[in-house]
Amino acid sequence: MQFSIPFSGRAHLYTDEEIALVAATARESVPLTQGYYLNAFESAFKIYTGAKHAFAVSNATAALEMAAQLCLFQPGDEVIVPAHTFTASAYPFVKQGARIVWADFHPATRVITADTIAACLTARTKAIVVVHLYGYGADMPAIMALARQHGLLVIEDAAQALGVRIQEHHAGTFGDFGAFSFHSHKNLSTLGEGGMLTVQEDGIAALIPMLRHNGHCGFADQREDYWIPAMGNVDLPEWRGYSLMPNNVCLGEVECALGAKLLERADRINREKRERALAVIAALSDIPELTFHCVTNERHNYHLLVARIAHGWRDAFIRTMANQHRIQCIVQYCPLYRYPLYRKLGFGAATCPNTDDFFDNMVSFPFHHALLPQDLETIVSATRGTIETLRTQ
């Protein structure tokens, strides 16, 4: 089916200046990876977020993979993960031997809370994954207080939450680790792929370059001949007595140059998306069949625009929007315990009534930054018309 307004689109467009920077970096940068712009991007990101340490990587999943490695899970250790999220929030921890315990979310915010986490705690809990889903910042002060009380590691999946601030602190900088995404759909995209890992502990930060880049490291001593015994050393990163297998998840110079430049207007992109989201929500506020999450400050960047629709209306709504208006609404983030991958691994059981209810009755609207004002007006008009049609059926 051809859609006049498809769901998937460019998260944002690039300015002429940004395009020129990409071209110049591709033409002139030596080398094209692990160079000047990597350091520039990481430095700019630390300034922008207030993170203690930041490391550019190929994607947010890579950031979560390394965070999972550094958790040093032992047999029987459990990690609490929201069931309503993208699969990459969970499986990196399974790969490191952790057992998943699915957490429900608060129905108003659609993110987990200290209370929903507390309901999942056992004597085997070692870590918590907090996902700032849809671009809304979870209550990190309360979650961190709970985690410190129980001696737990905290990993923030801030893939959708660049620029989100919780009590004036940036999402992704509260926990032990933070993972950010610069994928094509995100509010800041480094040519379709990219990510950042933030860490708090100095000792871990010293290991990340090795862990990120094939175990490469320098020799301890000055050498008379730079090529003897080899051009560079390769070793196993070690943390608290455990050896870790290295990865190859570097981000190229072109992407890093663009990322550093885009940070200059990240807040503007977020502000514009928030203003547009609030305008759509206001225009549909008299429709009781739709329930949006309305936040007027920087705690929400409206990476996505989702709503709960009246029970049993979801499929008819999406079908009518598609067939009659050529607008592609979708559903997102099927509860992970419903997927074969997690059922086959023994993680198919969960008690998450809010998650089940929301997913079975949710709609996600097209809402990338590149949409034109008339596109949003069309979405509002079509939504009103579709609701009126469904009321008569």
Foldseek 3Di string as FASTA:
>chain_A
DFFPAEQDDFLDDDDPVLVVLLVCCVVDPPPFFPDDLQVLLQVLVCVLQVFPGKGKWFWLLVLVLVVLLQLQDDAPAEEEEALFDDPSLPVSNVVNRHHYAHFAPDLQQRWHALVSVVVRDDPRYAEYETECPLQFAYQLVRNVVSCVVNVHFYEYECQQHVQFDDVNHGGQRRTQKYKYWQARLHLHHLPGGMMMMGGDDPLVSVQVVCQQQQQWDADPDDDPDCQPPHVTDHDFRDDPHDTDGHDHTTDTSSSSSSSSVVSVCSVVSLLVLLVLLVVLCVLCVVPVQWAWNRDNDRSGSSSWTKTFGHPPCVVLLQVCCCPVVSFHKDAGRQRNLVDPVCVVVVNNDHDHVSNVNRRNGMIIGRRRSPDDPVNSVSVSVSNVVSSVVVVVD
